[in-house]
């Protein structure tokens, strides 16, 4: 679903947010926060991923997310994309540009393949899928952004979400480590475009995936005595995308409530 783009003279900038499959997810929270701050939003989702996860597919999520964005005056473009496909990033940018009428100014990557497994039980198939989604797709999305970027110097943004998981999360943690390096490289390699690039580690965000014992343990380990919310991450993304955030570049930022 797409609203009519505004005339070029008054158009809102466009943010592309990946991994927006559930209304309570971090990606949806970021998309809503940016829409409220004056951005038009293209977002991606991939239903087969949610279908494989314990939480399952949230029926009507795409429409509900779109409606929440348009309520803030944003034009929107929802794009279903399988990021294991190397051709998907270019198609996502093509569709976002065609439907919103202008190029992407901010690329915010929240997509992830995330299946718990360790050194001894990770399959080659799972390892390759994690790297295809978390590392290769991140590189291809940033590359596509850099090739097309026409944002005014100092306004372009690249942001990726990462994790510090290691033990029991071999493919996820390793592929997120690769994502960190790829995104931080963009801070230097896209400098001639006036683009900043940063990575955010959001810490323990409660989006319904945690079992009760883990939720309790993480709550106790956080000085604030609570888990993070999508809004906590969204507020930081919103700041980084604002003019006030332009001096922060090439960083891995921990926005985790000070968890031990």
C-alpha atoms as a PDB file:
ATOM      1  CA  UNK A   1       0.000   0.000   0.000  1.00  0.00           C
ATOM      2  CA  UNK A   2       1.403   3.401  -0.997  1.00  0.00           C
ATOM      3  CA  UNK A   3       0.173   6.937  -0.509  1.00  0.00           C
ATOM      4  CA  UNK A   4       0.732   9.526  -3.215  1.00  0.00           C
ATOM      5  CA  UNK A   5       4.237  11.074  -3.014  1.00  0.00           C
ATOM      6  CA  UNK A   6       4.364  14.771  -2.183  1.00  0.00           C
ATOM      7  CA  UNK A   7       5.641  17.318  -4.713  1.00  0.00           C
ATOM      8  CA  UNK A   8       9.436  17.405  -4.853  1.00  0.00           C
ATOM      9  CA  UNK A   9       9.704  20.873  -3.300  1.00  0.00           C
ATOM     10  CA  UNK A  10       8.002  19.757  -0.088  1.00  0.00           C
ATOM     11  CA  UNK A  11       8.772  16.034  -0.102  1.00  0.00           C
ATOM     12  CA  UNK A  12       9.783  14.277   3.067  1.00  0.00           C
ATOM     13  CA  UNK A  13      13.061  12.335   2.927  1.00  0.00           C
ATOM     14  CA  UNK A  14      12.804   8.583   2.415  1.00  0.00           C
ATOM     15  CA  UNK A  15      14.017   5.982   4.901  1.00  0.00           C
ATOM     16  CA  UNK A  16      14.294   2.325   3.922  1.00  0.00           C
ATOM     17  CA  UNK A  17      13.863   0.096   6.985  1.00  0.00           C
ATOM     18  CA  UNK A  18      14.467  -3.633   6.536  1.00  0.00           C
ATOM     19  CA  UNK A  19      13.087  -6.435   8.693  1.00  0.00           C
ATOM     20  CA  UNK A  20       9.684  -4.948   9.531  1.00  0.00           C
ATOM     21  CA  UNK A  21       7.553  -8.063   9.811  1.00  0.00           C
ATOM     22  CA  UNK A  22       5.777  -7.677  13.166  1.00  0.00           C
ATOM     23  CA  UNK A  23       3.959  -4.756  14.748  1.00  0.00           C
ATOM     24  CA  UNK A  24       5.833  -5.241  18.050  1.00  0.00           C
ATOM     25  CA  UNK A  25       9.256  -5.650  16.440  1.00  0.00           C
ATOM     26  CA  UNK A  26      12.192  -3.264  16.579  1.00  0.00           C
ATOM     27  CA  UNK A  27      11.929  -2.538  12.855  1.00  0.00           C
ATOM     28  CA  UNK A  28       8.306  -1.453  13.157  1.00  0.00           C
ATOM     29  CA  UNK A  29       9.157   0.734  16.152  1.00  0.00           C
ATOM     30  CA  UNK A  30      11.914   2.446  14.187  1.00  0.00           C
ATOM     31  CA  UNK A  31       9.688   2.946  11.152  1.00  0.00           C
ATOM     32  CA  UNK A  32       6.976   4.557  13.286  1.00  0.00           C
ATOM     33  CA  UNK A  33       9.459   6.850  15.056  1.00  0.00           C
ATOM     34  CA  UNK A  34      10.959   8.048  11.774  1.00  0.00           C
ATOM     35  CA  UNK A  35       7.506   8.564  10.264  1.00  0.00           C
ATOM     36  CA  UNK A  36       6.605  10.743  13.242  1.00  0.00           C
ATOM     37  CA  UNK A  37       9.790  12.753  12.627  1.00  0.00           C
ATOM     38  CA  UNK A  38       8.872  13.542   9.044  1.00  0.00           C
ATOM     39  CA  UNK A  39      10.239  10.668   6.983  1.00  0.00           C
ATOM     40  CA  UNK A  40       8.468   8.696   4.286  1.00  0.00           C
ATOM     41  CA  UNK A  41       9.031   4.990   4.804  1.00  0.00           C
ATOM     42  CA  UNK A  42       9.791   2.030   2.581  1.00  0.00           C
ATOM     43  CA  UNK A  43      10.054  -1.196   4.554  1.00  0.00           C
ATOM     44  CA  UNK A  44      10.757  -4.842   3.876  1.00  0.00           C
ATOM     45  CA  UNK A  45       9.372  -8.000   5.397  1.00  0.00           C
ATOM     46  CA  UNK A  46       9.662 -11.725   4.684  1.00  0.00           C
ATOM     47  CA  UNK A  47       6.710 -13.834   5.788  1.00  0.00           C
ATOM     48  CA  UNK A  48       8.421 -17.260   5.407  1.00  0.00           C
ATOM     49  CA  UNK A  49      10.971 -16.253   8.054  1.00  0.00           C
ATOM     50  CA  UNK A  50       8.299 -15.428  10.629  1.00  0.00           C
ATOM     51  CA  UNK A  51       6.532 -18.646   9.702  1.00  0.00           C
ATOM     52  CA  UNK A  52       9.661 -20.628  10.679  1.00  0.00           C
ATOM     53  CA  UNK A  53      10.007 -18.862  14.025  1.00  0.00           C
ATOM     54  CA  UNK A  54       8.232 -19.763  17.255  1.00  0.00           C
ATOM     55  CA  UNK A  55       6.125 -16.586  17.154  1.00  0.00           C
ATOM     56  CA  UNK A  56       4.699 -17.380  13.717  1.00  0.00           C
ATOM     57  CA  UNK A  57       3.227 -15.028  11.136  1.00  0.00           C
ATOM     58  CA  UNK A  58       1.304 -12.048  12.491  1.00  0.00           C
ATOM     59  CA  UNK A  59      -1.752 -11.799  10.278  1.00  0.00           C
ATOM     60  CA  UNK A  60      -2.482  -8.298   9.080  1.00  0.00           C
ATOM     61  CA  UNK A  61       0.867  -6.960  10.307  1.00  0.00           C
ATOM     62  CA  UNK A  62       1.862  -5.275   7.045  1.00  0.00           C
ATOM     63  CA  UNK A  63      -1.399  -3.347   6.827  1.00  0.00           C
ATOM     64  CA  UNK A  64      -1.318  -2.430  10.513  1.00  0.00           C
ATOM     65  CA  UNK A  65       2.243  -1.130  10.220  1.00  0.00           C
ATOM     66  CA  UNK A  66       1.405   0.777   7.055  1.00  0.00           C
ATOM     67  CA  UNK A  67      -1.631   2.352   8.717  1.00  0.00           C
ATOM     68  CA  UNK A  68       0.461   3.429  11.711  1.00  0.00           C
ATOM     69  CA  UNK A  69       2.942   5.137   9.386  1.00  0.00           C
ATOM     70  CA  UNK A  70       0.341   6.914   7.284  1.00  0.00           C
ATOM     71  CA  UNK A  71      -1.223   8.188  10.509  1.00  0.00           C
ATOM     72  CA  UNK A  72       1.978  10.226  10.889  1.00  0.00           C
ATOM     73  CA  UNK A  73       1.630  11.614   7.365  1.00  0.00           C
ATOM     74  CA  UNK A  74       4.144   9.258   5.763  1.00  0.00           C
ATOM     75  CA  UNK A  75       3.941   7.886   2.266  1.00  0.00           C
ATOM     76  CA  UNK A  76       4.770   4.194   2.443  1.00  0.00           C
ATOM     77  CA  UNK A  77       5.967   1.259   0.384  1.00  0.00           C
ATOM     78  CA  UNK A  78       5.893  -2.256   1.854  1.00  0.00           C
ATOM     79  CA  UNK A  79       8.147  -4.644  -0.064  1.00  0.00           C
ATOM     80  CA  UNK A  80       8.303  -8.398   0.566  1.00  0.00           C
ATOM     81  CA  UNK A  81      11.909  -9.465   0.046  1.00  0.00           C
ATOM     82  CA  UNK A  82      13.871 -12.673   0.494  1.00  0.00           C
ATOM     83  CA  UNK A  83      17.297 -11.345   1.410  1.00  0.00           C
ATOM     84  CA  UNK A  84      18.952 -14.722   0.832  1.00  0.00           C
ATOM     85  CA  UNK A  85      18.551 -13.793  -2.850  1.00  0.00           C
ATOM     86  CA  UNK A  86      21.509 -11.659  -4.014  1.00  0.00           C
ATOM     87  CA  UNK A  87      19.214  -9.859  -6.443  1.00  0.00           C
ATOM     88  CA  UNK A  88      16.762  -8.762  -3.754  1.00  0.00           C
ATOM     89  CA  UNK A  89      18.534  -5.571  -2.546  1.00  0.00           C
ATOM     90  CA  UNK A  90      18.491  -3.961  -5.997  1.00  0.00           C
ATOM     91  CA  UNK A  91      14.837  -4.877  -6.459  1.00  0.00           C
ATOM     92  CA  UNK A  92      13.970  -3.410  -3.054  1.00  0.00           C
ATOM     93  CA  UNK A  93      15.594  -0.095  -3.969  1.00  0.00           C
ATOM     94  CA  UNK A  94      13.925  -0.149  -7.392  1.00  0.00           C
ATOM     95  CA  UNK A  95      10.502  -0.615  -5.832  1.00  0.00           C
ATOM     96  CA  UNK A  96      11.051   1.926  -3.074  1.00  0.00           C
ATOM     97  CA  UNK A  97      12.149   4.565  -5.568  1.00  0.00           C
ATOM     98  CA  UNK A  98       9.330   3.789  -8.003  1.00  0.00           C
ATOM     99  CA  UNK A  99       6.600   3.842  -5.382  1.00  0.00           C
ATOM    100  CA  UNK A 100       7.817   6.813  -3.335  1.00  0.00           C
ATOM    101  CA  UNK A 101       9.123   8.845  -6.241  1.00  0.00           C
ATOM    102  CA  UNK A 102      12.617   9.633  -4.975  1.00  0.00           C
ATOM    103  CA  UNK A 103      15.810   7.968  -3.741  1.00  0.00           C
ATOM    104  CA  UNK A 104      16.519   6.662  -0.253  1.00  0.00           C
ATOM    105  CA  UNK A 105      18.257   9.055   2.156  1.00  0.00           C
ATOM    106  CA  UNK A 106      18.492   6.752   5.210  1.00  0.00           C
ATOM    107  CA  UNK A 107      19.073   2.999   5.129  1.00  0.00           C
ATOM    108  CA  UNK A 108      18.215   1.312   8.446  1.00  0.00           C
ATOM    109  CA  UNK A 109      18.850  -2.441   8.532  1.00  0.00           C
ATOM    110  CA  UNK A 110      16.906  -4.456  11.102  1.00  0.00           C
ATOM    111  CA  UNK A 111      16.612  -7.694   9.125  1.00  0.00           C
ATOM    112  CA  UNK A 112      18.083 -10.855  10.603  1.00  0.00           C
ATOM    113  CA  UNK A 113      18.304 -14.605  10.373  1.00  0.00           C
ATOM    114  CA  UNK A 114      18.440 -15.797  13.973  1.00  0.00           C
ATOM    115  CA  UNK A 115      18.390 -19.459  14.960  1.00  0.00           C
ATOM    116  CA  UNK A 116      20.114 -20.621  18.144  1.00  0.00           C
ATOM    117  CA  UNK A 117      22.828 -23.225  17.614  1.00  0.00           C
ATOM    118  CA  UNK A 118      26.405 -23.770  18.736  1.00  0.00           C
ATOM    119  CA  UNK A 119      29.737 -24.960  17.423  1.00  0.00           C
ATOM    120  CA  UNK A 120      28.783 -28.633  17.408  1.00  0.00           C
ATOM    121  CA  UNK A 121      25.194 -28.560  16.170  1.00  0.00           C
ATOM    122  CA  UNK A 122      25.100 -25.757  13.580  1.00  0.00           C
ATOM    123  CA  UNK A 123      24.421 -27.104  10.106  1.00  0.00           C
ATOM    124  CA  UNK A 124      26.221 -25.836   7.024  1.00  0.00           C
ATOM    125  CA  UNK A 125      22.864 -24.830   5.565  1.00  0.00           C
ATOM    126  CA  UNK A 126      22.012 -22.724   8.625  1.00  0.00           C
ATOM    127  CA  UNK A 127      25.488 -21.173   8.745  1.00  0.00           C
ATOM    128  CA  UNK A 128      25.270 -20.168   5.086  1.00  0.00           C
ATOM    129  CA  UNK A 129      21.752 -18.760   5.488  1.00  0.00           C
ATOM    130  CA  UNK A 130      22.840 -16.606   8.439  1.00  0.00           C
ATOM    131  CA  UNK A 131      25.729 -15.159   6.477  1.00  0.00           C
ATOM    132  CA  UNK A 132      23.578 -14.655   3.388  1.00  0.00           C
ATOM    133  CA  UNK A 133      21.014 -12.608   5.313  1.00  0.00           C
ATOM    134  CA  UNK A 134      23.012 -10.917   8.071  1.00  0.00           C
ATOM    135  CA  UNK A 135      26.286 -10.235   6.252  1.00  0.00           C
ATOM    136  CA  UNK A 136      25.954 -10.541   2.481  1.00  0.00           C
ATOM    137  CA  UNK A 137      22.576  -8.806   2.250  1.00  0.00           C
ATOM    138  CA  UNK A 138      23.868  -6.007   4.465  1.00  0.00           C
ATOM    139  CA  UNK A 139      26.814  -5.491   2.116  1.00  0.00           C
ATOM    140  CA  UNK A 140      24.575  -5.589  -0.970  1.00  0.00           C
ATOM    141  CA  UNK A 141      22.057  -3.159   0.536  1.00  0.00           C
ATOM    142  CA  UNK A 142      24.821  -0.720   1.478  1.00  0.00           C
ATOM    143  CA  UNK A 143      26.421  -1.129  -1.941  1.00  0.00           C
ATOM    144  CA  UNK A 144      23.100  -0.408  -3.652  1.00  0.00           C
ATOM    145  CA  UNK A 145      22.570   2.596  -1.411  1.00  0.00           C
ATOM    146  CA  UNK A 146      26.035   3.949  -2.208  1.00  0.00           C
ATOM    147  CA  UNK A 147      25.550   3.521  -5.951  1.00  0.00           C
ATOM    148  CA  UNK A 148      22.248   5.415  -5.900  1.00  0.00           C
ATOM    149  CA  UNK A 149      22.779   7.968  -3.127  1.00  0.00           C
ATOM    150  CA  UNK A 150      21.919  11.521  -4.151  1.00  0.00           C
ATOM    151  CA  UNK A 151      21.279  12.867  -0.649  1.00  0.00           C
ATOM    152  CA  UNK A 152      22.626  16.298   0.160  1.00  0.00           C
ATOM    153  CA  UNK A 153      26.075  16.016   1.791  1.00  0.00           C
ATOM    154  CA  UNK A 154      25.710  15.435   5.514  1.00  0.00           C
ATOM    155  CA  UNK A 155      22.173  14.022   5.318  1.00  0.00           C
ATOM    156  CA  UNK A 156      22.730  10.435   4.172  1.00  0.00           C
ATOM    157  CA  UNK A 157      22.577   7.729   6.837  1.00  0.00           C
ATOM    158  CA  UNK A 158      23.412   4.028   7.074  1.00  0.00           C
ATOM    159  CA  UNK A 159      22.478   2.239  10.318  1.00  0.00           C
ATOM    160  CA  UNK A 160      22.548  -1.471  11.138  1.00  0.00           C
ATOM    161  CA  UNK A 161      21.451  -3.400  14.215  1.00  0.00           C
ATOM    162  CA  UNK A 162      23.866  -5.924  15.659  1.00  0.00           C
ATOM    163  CA  UNK A 163      24.260  -8.292  18.613  1.00  0.00           C
ATOM    164  CA  UNK A 164      27.023  -9.441  20.941  1.00  0.00           C
ATOM    165  CA  UNK A 165      25.725 -13.011  21.159  1.00  0.00           C
ATOM    166  CA  UNK A 166      28.405 -15.682  20.904  1.00  0.00           C
ATOM    167  CA  UNK A 167      27.977 -18.833  22.995  1.00  0.00           C
ATOM    168  CA  UNK A 168      25.172 -20.991  21.638  1.00  0.00           C
ATOM    169  CA  UNK A 169      24.673 -18.539  18.779  1.00  0.00           C
ATOM    170  CA  UNK A 170      27.534 -19.391  16.448  1.00  0.00           C
ATOM    171  CA  UNK A 171      26.022 -18.502  13.048  1.00  0.00           C
ATOM    172  CA  UNK A 172      24.050 -15.522  14.356  1.00  0.00           C
ATOM    173  CA  UNK A 173      26.890 -14.012  16.374  1.00  0.00           C
ATOM    174  CA  UNK A 174      29.536 -14.619  13.717  1.00  0.00           C
ATOM    175  CA  UNK A 175      27.415 -13.143  10.930  1.00  0.00           C
ATOM    176  CA  UNK A 176      26.534 -10.128  13.056  1.00  0.00           C
ATOM    177  CA  UNK A 177      30.253  -9.579  13.663  1.00  0.00           C
ATOM    178  CA  UNK A 178      30.710  -9.463   9.896  1.00  0.00           C
ATOM    179  CA  UNK A 179      27.793  -7.011   9.655  1.00  0.00           C
ATOM    180  CA  UNK A 180      29.591  -4.700  12.090  1.00  0.00           C
ATOM    181  CA  UNK A 181      32.725  -4.510   9.944  1.00  0.00           C
ATOM    182  CA  UNK A 182      30.788  -4.065   6.695  1.00  0.00           C
ATOM    183  CA  UNK A 183      28.738  -1.187   8.101  1.00  0.00           C
ATOM    184  CA  UNK A 184      31.691   0.545   9.719  1.00  0.00           C
ATOM    185  CA  UNK A 185      33.594   0.348   6.432  1.00  0.00           C
ATOM    186  CA  UNK A 186      30.803   2.402   4.881  1.00  0.00           C
ATOM    187  CA  UNK A 187      31.652   5.316   7.195  1.00  0.00           C
ATOM    188  CA  UNK A 188      34.926   5.673   5.286  1.00  0.00           C
ATOM    189  CA  UNK A 189      34.128   4.316   1.840  1.00  0.00           C
ATOM    190  CA  UNK A 190      30.981   6.451   1.486  1.00  0.00           C
ATOM    191  CA  UNK A 191      32.561   9.542   3.043  1.00  0.00           C
ATOM    192  CA  UNK A 192      32.746  11.231  -0.367  1.00  0.00           C
ATOM    193  CA  UNK A 193      28.918  11.121  -0.418  1.00  0.00           C
ATOM    194  CA  UNK A 194      28.634  12.841   2.961  1.00  0.00           C
ATOM    195  CA  UNK A 195      27.070   9.708   4.478  1.00  0.00           C
ATOM    196  CA  UNK A 196      27.462   8.558   8.088  1.00  0.00           C
ATOM    197  CA  UNK A 197      27.345   4.856   8.988  1.00  0.00           C
ATOM    198  CA  UNK A 198      26.884   3.392  12.456  1.00  0.00           C
ATOM    199  CA  UNK A 199      26.005   0.126  14.158  1.00  0.00           C
ATOM    200  CA  UNK A 200      23.666  -0.166  17.148  1.00  0.00           C
ATOM    201  CA  UNK A 201      23.655  -2.994  19.673  1.00  0.00           C
ATOM    202  CA  UNK A 202      20.175  -2.606  21.194  1.00  0.00           C
ATOM    203  CA  UNK A 203      20.651  -5.061  24.037  1.00  0.00           C
ATOM    204  CA  UNK A 204      17.760  -7.164  25.356  1.00  0.00           C
ATOM    205  CA  UNK A 205      14.611  -5.889  23.662  1.00  0.00           C
ATOM    206  CA  UNK A 206      11.377  -7.584  24.686  1.00  0.00           C
ATOM    207  CA  UNK A 207       9.418  -8.253  21.513  1.00  0.00           C
ATOM    208  CA  UNK A 208       7.710 -11.406  22.712  1.00  0.00           C
ATOM    209  CA  UNK A 209      10.429 -13.929  21.884  1.00  0.00           C
ATOM    210  CA  UNK A 210      11.916 -14.396  25.362  1.00  0.00           C
ATOM    211  CA  UNK A 211      10.924 -17.280  27.646  1.00  0.00           C
ATOM    212  CA  UNK A 212       9.945 -16.191  31.141  1.00  0.00           C
ATOM    213  CA  UNK A 213      13.167 -17.331  32.831  1.00  0.00           C
ATOM    214  CA  UNK A 214      15.348 -15.444  30.369  1.00  0.00           C
ATOM    215  CA  UNK A 215      13.197 -12.351  30.702  1.00  0.00           C
ATOM    216  CA  UNK A 216      13.592 -12.440  34.478  1.00  0.00           C
ATOM    217  CA  UNK A 217      17.366 -12.989  34.319  1.00  0.00           C
ATOM    218  CA  UNK A 218      17.920 -10.128  31.869  1.00  0.00           C
ATOM    219  CA  UNK A 219      15.674  -7.787  33.814  1.00  0.00           C
ATOM    220  CA  UNK A 220      17.713  -8.431  36.978  1.00  0.00           C
ATOM    221  CA  UNK A 221      20.982  -7.893  35.087  1.00  0.00           C
ATOM    222  CA  UNK A 222      19.921  -4.460  33.811  1.00  0.00           C
ATOM    223  CA  UNK A 223      20.496  -1.490  36.177  1.00  0.00           C
ATOM    224  CA  UNK A 224      17.222   0.131  35.164  1.00  0.00           C
ATOM    225  CA  UNK A 225      15.374  -2.992  36.274  1.00  0.00           C
ATOM    226  CA  UNK A 226      13.561  -3.407  32.985  1.00  0.00           C
ATOM    227  CA  UNK A 227      14.080  -4.758  29.497  1.00  0.00           C
ATOM    228  CA  UNK A 228      14.484  -2.539  26.487  1.00  0.00           C
ATOM    229  CA  UNK A 229      11.622  -1.609  24.199  1.00  0.00           C
ATOM    230  CA  UNK A 230      11.585  -0.978  20.447  1.00  0.00           C
ATOM    231  CA  UNK A 231      11.091   2.705  21.243  1.00  0.00           C
ATOM    232  CA  UNK A 232      14.434   2.788  23.094  1.00  0.00           C
ATOM    233  CA  UNK A 233      16.221   1.726  19.910  1.00  0.00           C
ATOM    234  CA  UNK A 234      14.002   3.865  17.709  1.00  0.00           C
ATOM    235  CA  UNK A 235      14.857   7.023  19.655  1.00  0.00           C
ATOM    236  CA  UNK A 236      18.570   6.465  19.028  1.00  0.00           C
ATOM    237  CA  UNK A 237      18.005   5.776  15.323  1.00  0.00           C
ATOM    238  CA  UNK A 238      15.898   8.917  15.089  1.00  0.00           C
ATOM    239  CA  UNK A 239      18.712  10.955  16.660  1.00  0.00           C
ATOM    240  CA  UNK A 240      21.352   9.481  14.343  1.00  0.00           C
ATOM    241  CA  UNK A 241      19.157  10.291  11.336  1.00  0.00           C
ATOM    242  CA  UNK A 242      18.664  13.885  12.485  1.00  0.00           C
ATOM    243  CA  UNK A 243      21.024  16.797  11.733  1.00  0.00           C
ATOM    244  CA  UNK A 244      22.125  16.630  15.382  1.00  0.00           C
ATOM    245  CA  UNK A 245      23.460  13.105  14.844  1.00  0.00           C
ATOM    246  CA  UNK A 246      25.745  13.842  11.917  1.00  0.00           C
ATOM    247  CA  UNK A 247      28.973  13.949  13.984  1.00  0.00           C
ATOM    248  CA  UNK A 248      28.538  10.340  15.130  1.00  0.00           C
ATOM    249  CA  UNK A 249      30.107   8.137  12.500  1.00  0.00           C
ATOM    250  CA  UNK A 250      31.789   4.747  12.201  1.00  0.00           C
ATOM    251  CA  UNK A 251      30.698   3.713  15.685  1.00  0.00           C
ATOM    252  CA  UNK A 252      29.300   0.601  17.345  1.00  0.00           C
ATOM    253  CA  UNK A 253      26.907   2.072  19.887  1.00  0.00           C
ATOM    254  CA  UNK A 254      25.636   0.068  22.836  1.00  0.00           C
ATOM    255  CA  UNK A 255      22.113   1.145  23.691  1.00  0.00           C
ATOM    256  CA  UNK A 256      21.449  -1.621  26.193  1.00  0.00           C
ATOM    257  CA  UNK A 257      20.486  -0.032  29.494  1.00  0.00           C
ATOM    258  CA  UNK A 258      23.874  -0.832  30.993  1.00  0.00           C
ATOM    259  CA  UNK A 259      23.271  -4.592  31.183  1.00  0.00           C
ATOM    260  CA  UNK A 260      26.124  -6.419  32.919  1.00  0.00           C
END
